[in-house]
Amino acid sequence: MKLSPNFLIHTQEDDGEYLLIPVADARFSGVVRGNRTFGTILGLLKEETTKEDLIASMKAKFDAPDDVITSDVEKALAELSKIGAIIE
């Protein structure tokens, strides 16, 4: 899976907020806001990856319980999939 080219990632560096903005032919209109965890997931989705690889990368980057990381990744992927932001 990979982030659709119909979406751009924008970082609000002053407050650590990440924005996912639809462009071109995206069927979603609006802006998705997220925190550093969400921003990290978006960054990893710039390249082709799997859910398992995302979870492993997040475990390496963040000091959090495995079940929390897995839940965060699954929730983010579900939301991104729902708006058409992921190419599977």
PDB file of N, CA and C in Angstrom:
ATOM      1  N   MET A   1       0.838  -1.183   0.000  1.00  0.00           N
ATOM      2  CA  MET A   1       0.000   0.000   0.000  1.00  0.00           C
ATOM      3  C   MET A   1       0.879   1.241   0.000  1.00  0.00           C
ATOM      4  N   LYS A   2       0.275   2.330  -0.429  1.00  0.00           N
ATOM      5  CA  LYS A   2       1.022   3.582  -0.566  1.00  0.00           C
ATOM      6  C   LYS A   2       0.026   4.740  -0.533  1.00  0.00           C
ATOM      7  N   LEU A   3       0.496   5.908  -0.128  1.00  0.00           N
ATOM      8  CA  LEU A   3      -0.346   7.105  -0.132  1.00  0.00           C
ATOM      9  C   LEU A   3      -0.672   7.498  -1.572  1.00  0.00           C
ATOM     10  N   SER A   4      -1.921   7.808  -1.826  1.00  0.00           N
ATOM     11  CA  SER A   4      -2.361   8.220  -3.152  1.00  0.00           C
ATOM     12  C   SER A   4      -1.694   9.529  -3.556  1.00  0.00           C
ATOM     13  N   PRO A   5      -1.332   9.657  -4.829  1.00  0.00           N
ATOM     14  CA  PRO A   5      -0.756  10.932  -5.286  1.00  0.00           C
ATOM     15  C   PRO A   5      -1.782  12.070  -5.290  1.00  0.00           C
ATOM     16  N   ASN A   6      -3.033  11.753  -5.019  1.00  0.00           N
ATOM     17  CA  ASN A   6      -4.078  12.779  -4.951  1.00  0.00           C
ATOM     18  C   ASN A   6      -4.124  13.475  -3.594  1.00  0.00           C
ATOM     19  N   PHE A   7      -3.147  13.179  -2.731  1.00  0.00           N
ATOM     20  CA  PHE A   7      -3.090  13.794  -1.410  1.00  0.00           C
ATOM     21  C   PHE A   7      -1.682  14.307  -1.131  1.00  0.00           C
ATOM     22  N   LEU A   8      -1.608  15.458  -0.485  1.00  0.00           N
ATOM     23  CA  LEU A   8      -0.336  16.043  -0.079  1.00  0.00           C
ATOM     24  C   LEU A   8      -0.267  16.117   1.441  1.00  0.00           C
ATOM     25  N   ILE A   9       0.940  15.954   1.963  1.00  0.00           N
ATOM     26  CA  ILE A   9       1.168  16.067   3.406  1.00  0.00           C
ATOM     27  C   ILE A   9       1.761  17.440   3.670  1.00  0.00           C
ATOM     28  N   HIS A  10       1.191  18.134   4.616  1.00  0.00           N
ATOM     29  CA  HIS A  10       1.715  19.441   5.017  1.00  0.00           C
ATOM     30  C   HIS A  10       1.971  19.412   6.525  1.00  0.00           C
ATOM     31  N   THR A  11       3.133  19.893   6.918  1.00  0.00           N
ATOM     32  CA  THR A  11       3.497  19.905   8.333  1.00  0.00           C
ATOM     33  C   THR A  11       3.416  21.319   8.878  1.00  0.00           C
ATOM     34  N   GLN A  12       2.709  21.464   9.982  1.00  0.00           N
ATOM     35  CA  GLN A  12       2.674  22.725  10.718  1.00  0.00           C
ATOM     36  C   GLN A  12       3.762  22.600  11.789  1.00  0.00           C
ATOM     37  N   GLU A  13       4.984  22.951  11.461  1.00  0.00           N
ATOM     38  CA  GLU A  13       6.111  22.703  12.351  1.00  0.00           C
ATOM     39  C   GLU A  13       6.015  23.425  13.687  1.00  0.00           C
ATOM     40  N   ASP A  14       5.359  24.554  13.723  1.00  0.00           N
ATOM     41  CA  ASP A  14       5.294  25.312  14.968  1.00  0.00           C
ATOM     42  C   ASP A  14       4.463  24.618  16.042  1.00  0.00           C
ATOM     43  N   ASP A  15       3.477  23.793  15.635  1.00  0.00           N
ATOM     44  CA  ASP A  15       2.660  23.114  16.643  1.00  0.00           C
ATOM     45  C   ASP A  15       2.643  21.594  16.486  1.00  0.00           C
ATOM     46  N   GLY A  16       3.462  21.053  15.587  1.00  0.00           N
ATOM     47  CA  GLY A  16       3.561  19.609  15.433  1.00  0.00           C
ATOM     48  C   GLY A  16       2.335  18.960  14.817  1.00  0.00           C
ATOM     49  N   GLU A  17       1.512  19.743  14.145  1.00  0.00           N
ATOM     50  CA  GLU A  17       0.310  19.205  13.522  1.00  0.00           C
ATOM     51  C   GLU A  17       0.610  18.842  12.065  1.00  0.00           C
ATOM     52  N   TYR A  18       0.021  17.754  11.620  1.00  0.00           N
ATOM     53  CA  TYR A  18       0.173  17.303  10.242  1.00  0.00           C
ATOM     54  C   TYR A  18      -1.169  17.392   9.549  1.00  0.00           C
ATOM     55  N   LEU A  19      -1.134  17.842   8.303  1.00  0.00           N
ATOM     56  CA  LEU A  19      -2.349  17.985   7.514  1.00  0.00           C
ATOM     57  C   LEU A  19      -2.240  17.115   6.272  1.00  0.00           C
ATOM     58  N   LEU A  20      -3.314  16.436   5.947  1.00  0.00           N
ATOM     59  CA  LEU A  20      -3.405  15.673   4.709  1.00  0.00           C
ATOM     60  C   LEU A  20      -4.426  16.403   3.846  1.00  0.00           C
ATOM     61  N   ILE A  21      -3.960  16.882   2.693  1.00  0.00           N
ATOM     62  CA  ILE A  21      -4.769  17.756   1.857  1.00  0.00           C
ATOM     63  C   ILE A  21      -5.029  17.091   0.508  1.00  0.00           C
ATOM     64  N   PRO A  22      -6.300  16.954   0.122  1.00  0.00           N
ATOM     65  CA  PRO A  22      -6.608  16.352  -1.177  1.00  0.00           C
ATOM     66  C   PRO A  22      -6.352  17.341  -2.307  1.00  0.00           C
ATOM     67  N   VAL A  23      -5.907  16.814  -3.434  1.00  0.00           N
ATOM     68  CA  VAL A  23      -5.683  17.623  -4.628  1.00  0.00           C
ATOM     69  C   VAL A  23      -6.232  16.860  -5.831  1.00  0.00           C
ATOM     70  N   ALA A  24      -6.205  17.482  -6.955  1.00  0.00           N
ATOM     71  CA  ALA A  24      -6.543  16.863  -8.239  1.00  0.00           C
ATOM     72  C   ALA A  24      -7.846  16.073  -8.184  1.00  0.00           C
ATOM     73  N   ASP A  25      -7.750  14.783  -8.438  1.00  0.00           N
ATOM     74  CA  ASP A  25      -8.933  13.942  -8.585  1.00  0.00           C
ATOM     75  C   ASP A  25      -9.369  13.244  -7.307  1.00  0.00           C
ATOM     76  N   ALA A  26      -8.954  13.704  -6.163  1.00  0.00           N
ATOM     77  CA  ALA A  26      -9.357  13.065  -4.901  1.00  0.00           C
ATOM     78  C   ALA A  26     -10.866  13.152  -4.754  1.00  0.00           C
ATOM     79  N   ARG A  27     -11.472  12.058  -4.334  1.00  0.00           N
ATOM     80  CA  ARG A  27     -12.924  12.058  -4.137  1.00  0.00           C
ATOM     81  C   ARG A  27     -13.305  12.650  -2.785  1.00  0.00           C
ATOM     82  N   PHE A  28     -12.322  12.891  -1.945  1.00  0.00           N
ATOM     83  CA  PHE A  28     -12.528  13.463  -0.620  1.00  0.00           C
ATOM     84  C   PHE A  28     -12.272  14.960  -0.687  1.00  0.00           C
ATOM     85  N   SER A  29     -13.119  15.736  -0.050  1.00  0.00           N
ATOM     86  CA  SER A  29     -12.849  17.167   0.041  1.00  0.00           C
ATOM     87  C   SER A  29     -12.847  17.543   1.513  1.00  0.00           C
ATOM     88  N   GLY A  30     -11.812  18.186   1.918  1.00  0.00           N
ATOM     89  CA  GLY A  30     -11.635  18.545   3.312  1.00  0.00           C
ATOM     90  C   GLY A  30     -10.170  18.402   3.671  1.00  0.00           C
ATOM     91  N   VAL A  31      -9.869  18.591   4.914  1.00  0.00           N
ATOM     92  CA  VAL A  31      -8.493  18.468   5.402  1.00  0.00           C
ATOM     93  C   VAL A  31      -8.509  17.516   6.589  1.00  0.00           C
ATOM     94  N   VAL A  32      -7.551  16.602   6.615  1.00  0.00           N
ATOM     95  CA  VAL A  32      -7.411  15.682   7.738  1.00  0.00           C
ATOM     96  C   VAL A  32      -6.261  16.190   8.595  1.00  0.00           C
ATOM     97  N   ARG A  33      -6.521  16.380   9.874  1.00  0.00           N
ATOM     98  CA  ARG A  33      -5.504  16.866  10.803  1.00  0.00           C
ATOM     99  C   ARG A  33      -5.060  15.721  11.700  1.00  0.00           C
ATOM    100  N   GLY A  34      -3.765  15.708  12.016  1.00  0.00           N
ATOM    101  CA  GLY A  34      -3.257  14.661  12.889  1.00  0.00           C
ATOM    102  C   GLY A  34      -2.031  15.105  13.655  1.00  0.00           C
ATOM    103  N   ASN A  35      -1.643  14.270  14.605  1.00  0.00           N
ATOM    104  CA  ASN A  35      -0.491  14.556  15.453  1.00  0.00           C
ATOM    105  C   ASN A  35       0.787  13.939  14.870  1.00  0.00           C
ATOM    106  N   ARG A  36       1.831  13.913  15.659  1.00  0.00           N
ATOM    107  CA  ARG A  36       3.128  13.396  15.214  1.00  0.00           C
ATOM    108  C   ARG A  36       3.042  11.923  14.816  1.00  0.00           C
ATOM    109  N   THR A  37       2.281  11.144  15.558  1.00  0.00           N
ATOM    110  CA  THR A  37       2.114   9.732  15.228  1.00  0.00           C
ATOM    111  C   THR A  37       1.501   9.591  13.840  1.00  0.00           C
ATOM    112  N   PHE A  38       0.434  10.329  13.586  1.00  0.00           N
ATOM    113  CA  PHE A  38      -0.226  10.305  12.283  1.00  0.00           C
ATOM    114  C   PHE A  38       0.732  10.782  11.193  1.00  0.00           C
ATOM    115  N   GLY A  39       1.478  11.814  11.472  1.00  0.00           N
ATOM    116  CA  GLY A  39       2.452  12.334  10.513  1.00  0.00           C
ATOM    117  C   GLY A  39       3.520  11.314  10.168  1.00  0.00           C
ATOM    118  N   THR A  40       3.946  10.542  11.154  1.00  0.00           N
ATOM    119  CA  THR A  40       4.944   9.506  10.916  1.00  0.00           C
ATOM    120  C   THR A  40       4.370   8.424  10.014  1.00  0.00           C
ATOM    121  N   ILE A  41       3.139   8.027  10.276  1.00  0.00           N
ATOM    122  CA  ILE A  41       2.481   7.024   9.429  1.00  0.00           C
ATOM    123  C   ILE A  41       2.359   7.544   7.996  1.00  0.00           C
ATOM    124  N   LEU A  42       1.946   8.794   7.839  1.00  0.00           N
ATOM    125  CA  LEU A  42       1.849   9.377   6.498  1.00  0.00           C
ATOM    126  C   LEU A  42       3.195   9.372   5.799  1.00  0.00           C
ATOM    127  N   GLY A  43       4.241   9.732   6.519  1.00  0.00           N
ATOM    128  CA  GLY A  43       5.579   9.742   5.937  1.00  0.00           C
ATOM    129  C   GLY A  43       6.013   8.362   5.468  1.00  0.00           C
ATOM    130  N   LEU A  44       5.700   7.348   6.244  1.00  0.00           N
ATOM    131  CA  LEU A  44       6.046   5.983   5.863  1.00  0.00           C
ATOM    132  C   LEU A  44       5.246   5.517   4.644  1.00  0.00           C
ATOM    133  N   LEU A  45       4.055   6.062   4.482  1.00  0.00           N
ATOM    134  CA  LEU A  45       3.212   5.684   3.343  1.00  0.00           C
ATOM    135  C   LEU A  45       3.621   6.365   2.041  1.00  0.00           C
ATOM    136  N   LYS A  46       4.626   7.209   2.067  1.00  0.00           N
ATOM    137  CA  LYS A  46       5.124   7.806   0.825  1.00  0.00           C
ATOM    138  C   LYS A  46       5.741   6.742  -0.078  1.00  0.00           C
ATOM    139  N   GLU A  47       6.240   5.680   0.548  1.00  0.00           N
ATOM    140  CA  GLU A  47       6.818   4.552  -0.185  1.00  0.00           C
ATOM    141  C   GLU A  47       5.923   3.336  -0.024  1.00  0.00           C
ATOM    142  N   GLU A  48       5.992   2.428  -0.955  1.00  0.00           N
ATOM    143  CA  GLU A  48       5.220   1.179  -0.876  1.00  0.00           C
ATOM    144  C   GLU A  48       5.587   0.448   0.416  1.00  0.00           C
ATOM    145  N   THR A  49       4.577   0.003   1.159  1.00  0.00           N
ATOM    146  CA  THR A  49       4.806  -0.654   2.434  1.00  0.00           C
ATOM    147  C   THR A  49       3.644  -1.588   2.760  1.00  0.00           C
ATOM    148  N   THR A  50       3.767  -2.288   3.854  1.00  0.00           N
ATOM    149  CA  THR A  50       2.691  -3.154   4.341  1.00  0.00           C
ATOM    150  C   THR A  50       2.300  -2.710   5.743  1.00  0.00           C
ATOM    151  N   LYS A  51       1.151  -3.180   6.201  1.00  0.00           N
ATOM    152  CA  LYS A  51       0.726  -2.855   7.562  1.00  0.00           C
ATOM    153  C   LYS A  51       1.752  -3.354   8.566  1.00  0.00           C
ATOM    154  N   GLU A  52       2.274  -4.546   8.348  1.00  0.00           N
ATOM    155  CA  GLU A  52       3.256  -5.127   9.264  1.00  0.00           C
ATOM    156  C   GLU A  52       4.532  -4.287   9.312  1.00  0.00           C
ATOM    157  N   ASP A  53       4.979  -3.806   8.151  1.00  0.00           N
ATOM    158  CA  ASP A  53       6.168  -2.951   8.114  1.00  0.00           C
ATOM    159  C   ASP A  53       5.910  -1.610   8.799  1.00  0.00           C
ATOM    160  N   LEU A  54       4.715  -1.064   8.628  1.00  0.00           N
ATOM    161  CA  LEU A  54       4.363   0.184   9.313  1.00  0.00           C
ATOM    162  C   LEU A  54       4.430  -0.001  10.824  1.00  0.00           C
ATOM    163  N   ILE A  55       3.852  -1.091  11.303  1.00  0.00           N
ATOM    164  CA  ILE A  55       3.848  -1.360  12.746  1.00  0.00           C
ATOM    165  C   ILE A  55       5.273  -1.526  13.255  1.00  0.00           C
ATOM    166  N   ALA A  56       6.105  -2.270  12.523  1.00  0.00           N
ATOM    167  CA  ALA A  56       7.502  -2.465  12.937  1.00  0.00           C
ATOM    168  C   ALA A  56       8.260  -1.140  12.970  1.00  0.00           C
ATOM    169  N   SER A  57       8.052  -0.291  11.973  1.00  0.00           N
ATOM    170  CA  SER A  57       8.718   1.020  11.935  1.00  0.00           C
ATOM    171  C   SER A  57       8.270   1.904  13.085  1.00  0.00           C
ATOM    172  N   MET A  58       6.979   1.864  13.385  1.00  0.00           N
ATOM    173  CA  MET A  58       6.454   2.668  14.487  1.00  0.00           C
ATOM    174  C   MET A  58       6.988   2.173  15.830  1.00  0.00           C
ATOM    175  N   LYS A  59       7.121   0.861  15.995  1.00  0.00           N
ATOM    176  CA  LYS A  59       7.672   0.302  17.229  1.00  0.00           C
ATOM    177  C   LYS A  59       9.123   0.737  17.414  1.00  0.00           C
ATOM    178  N   ALA A  60       9.865   0.829  16.316  1.00  0.00           N
ATOM    179  CA  ALA A  60      11.264   1.253  16.384  1.00  0.00           C
ATOM    180  C   ALA A  60      11.382   2.736  16.725  1.00  0.00           C
ATOM    181  N   LYS A  61      10.400   3.521  16.325  1.00  0.00           N
ATOM    182  CA  LYS A  61      10.470   4.972  16.522  1.00  0.00           C
ATOM    183  C   LYS A  61       9.865   5.440  17.847  1.00  0.00           C
ATOM    184  N   PHE A  62       8.796   4.788  18.296  1.00  0.00           N
ATOM    185  CA  PHE A  62       8.080   5.247  19.478  1.00  0.00           C
ATOM    186  C   PHE A  62       8.172   4.247  20.626  1.00  0.00           C
ATOM    187  N   ASP A  63       8.275   4.764  21.817  1.00  0.00           N
ATOM    188  CA  ASP A  63       8.303   3.941  23.022  1.00  0.00           C
ATOM    189  C   ASP A  63       6.882   3.855  23.562  1.00  0.00           C
ATOM    190  N   ALA A  64       6.146   2.886  23.046  1.00  0.00           N
ATOM    191  CA  ALA A  64       4.745   2.698  23.452  1.00  0.00           C
ATOM    192  C   ALA A  64       4.455   1.199  23.428  1.00  0.00           C
ATOM    193  N   PRO A  65       3.449   0.770  24.158  1.00  0.00           N
ATOM    194  CA  PRO A  65       3.085  -0.653  24.147  1.00  0.00           C
ATOM    195  C   PRO A  65       2.710  -1.117  22.733  1.00  0.00           C
ATOM    196  N   ASP A  66       3.051  -2.364  22.430  1.00  0.00           N
ATOM    197  CA  ASP A  66       2.789  -2.916  21.104  1.00  0.00           C
ATOM    198  C   ASP A  66       1.322  -2.800  20.706  1.00  0.00           C
ATOM    199  N   ASP A  67       0.412  -3.061  21.645  1.00  0.00           N
ATOM    200  CA  ASP A  67      -1.010  -3.021  21.299  1.00  0.00           C
ATOM    201  C   ASP A  67      -1.477  -1.606  20.971  1.00  0.00           C
ATOM    202  N   VAL A  68      -0.875  -0.618  21.602  1.00  0.00           N
ATOM    203  CA  VAL A  68      -1.228   0.786  21.315  1.00  0.00           C
ATOM    204  C   VAL A  68      -0.750   1.160  19.917  1.00  0.00           C
ATOM    205  N   ILE A  69       0.474   0.779  19.588  1.00  0.00           N
ATOM    206  CA  ILE A  69       1.019   1.083  18.255  1.00  0.00           C
ATOM    207  C   ILE A  69       0.194   0.384  17.179  1.00  0.00           C
ATOM    208  N   THR A  70      -0.086  -0.879  17.381  1.00  0.00           N
ATOM    209  CA  THR A  70      -0.883  -1.627  16.406  1.00  0.00           C
ATOM    210  C   THR A  70      -2.246  -0.987  16.220  1.00  0.00           C
ATOM    211  N   SER A  71      -2.891  -0.608  17.302  1.00  0.00           N
ATOM    212  CA  SER A  71      -4.198   0.039  17.236  1.00  0.00           C
ATOM    213  C   SER A  71      -4.124   1.366  16.497  1.00  0.00           C
ATOM    214  N   ASP A  72      -3.097   2.173  16.792  1.00  0.00           N
ATOM    215  CA  ASP A  72      -2.942   3.473  16.121  1.00  0.00           C
ATOM    216  C   ASP A  72      -2.769   3.303  14.614  1.00  0.00           C
ATOM    217  N   VAL A  73      -1.923   2.348  14.216  1.00  0.00           N
ATOM    218  CA  VAL A  73      -1.688   2.109  12.791  1.00  0.00           C
ATOM    219  C   VAL A  73      -2.969   1.622  12.124  1.00  0.00           C
ATOM    220  N   GLU A  74      -3.647   0.670  12.731  1.00  0.00           N
ATOM    221  CA  GLU A  74      -4.879   0.141  12.140  1.00  0.00           C
ATOM    222  C   GLU A  74      -5.955   1.214  12.017  1.00  0.00           C
ATOM    223  N   LYS A  75      -6.074   2.054  13.026  1.00  0.00           N
ATOM    224  CA  LYS A  75      -7.070   3.131  12.985  1.00  0.00           C
ATOM    225  C   LYS A  75      -6.730   4.133  11.873  1.00  0.00           C
ATOM    226  N   ALA A  76      -5.457   4.522  11.780  1.00  0.00           N
ATOM    227  CA  ALA A  76      -5.046   5.468  10.738  1.00  0.00           C
ATOM    228  C   ALA A  76      -5.286   4.884   9.352  1.00  0.00           C
ATOM    229  N   LEU A  77      -4.927   3.623   9.156  1.00  0.00           N
ATOM    230  CA  LEU A  77      -5.120   2.992   7.847  1.00  0.00           C
ATOM    231  C   LEU A  77      -6.599   2.895   7.487  1.00  0.00           C
ATOM    232  N   ALA A  78      -7.430   2.588   8.461  1.00  0.00           N
ATOM    233  CA  ALA A  78      -8.875   2.506   8.208  1.00  0.00           C
ATOM    234  C   ALA A  78      -9.422   3.858   7.769  1.00  0.00           C
ATOM    235  N   GLU A  79      -9.018   4.919   8.463  1.00  0.00           N
ATOM    236  CA  GLU A  79      -9.497   6.262   8.114  1.00  0.00           C
ATOM    237  C   GLU A  79      -8.972   6.705   6.748  1.00  0.00           C
ATOM    238  N   LEU A  80      -7.698   6.428   6.482  1.00  0.00           N
ATOM    239  CA  LEU A  80      -7.113   6.810   5.201  1.00  0.00           C
ATOM    240  C   LEU A  80      -7.764   6.033   4.055  1.00  0.00           C
ATOM    241  N   SER A  81      -8.033   4.786   4.285  1.00  0.00           N
ATOM    242  CA  SER A  81      -8.686   3.956   3.276  1.00  0.00           C
ATOM    243  C   SER A  81     -10.108   4.469   2.993  1.00  0.00           C
ATOM    244  N   LYS A  82     -10.800   4.861   4.047  1.00  0.00           N
ATOM    245  CA  LYS A  82     -12.172   5.346   3.924  1.00  0.00           C
ATOM    246  C   LYS A  82     -12.273   6.578   3.029  1.00  0.00           C
ATOM    247  N   ILE A  83     -11.254   7.431   3.060  1.00  0.00           N
ATOM    248  CA  ILE A  83     -11.301   8.658   2.237  1.00  0.00           C
ATOM    249  C   ILE A  83     -10.582   8.488   0.906  1.00  0.00           C
ATOM    250  N   GLY A  84     -10.094   7.290   0.636  1.00  0.00           N
ATOM    251  CA  GLY A  84      -9.436   7.037  -0.647  1.00  0.00           C
ATOM    252  C   GLY A  84      -8.008   7.541  -0.729  1.00  0.00           C
ATOM    253  N   ALA A  85      -7.355   7.667   0.424  1.00  0.00           N
ATOM    254  CA  ALA A  85      -5.994   8.207   0.436  1.00  0.00           C
ATOM    255  C   ALA A  85      -4.912   7.143   0.295  1.00  0.00           C
ATOM    256  N   ILE A  86      -5.319   5.868   0.248  1.00  0.00           N
ATOM    257  CA  ILE A  86      -4.351   4.783   0.141  1.00  0.00           C
ATOM    258  C   ILE A  86      -4.593   4.001  -1.140  1.00  0.00           C
ATOM    259  N   ILE A  87      -3.506   3.705  -1.825  1.00  0.00           N
ATOM    260  CA  ILE A  87      -3.543   2.815  -2.983  1.00  0.00           C
ATOM    261  C   ILE A  87      -3.091   1.449  -2.480  1.00  0.00           C
ATOM    262  N   GLU A  88      -3.941   0.456  -2.635  1.00  0.00           N
ATOM    263  CA  GLU A  88      -3.579  -0.879  -2.130  1.00  0.00           C
ATOM    264  C   GLU A  88      -3.200  -1.806  -3.260  1.00  0.00           C
TER     265      GLU A  88
END
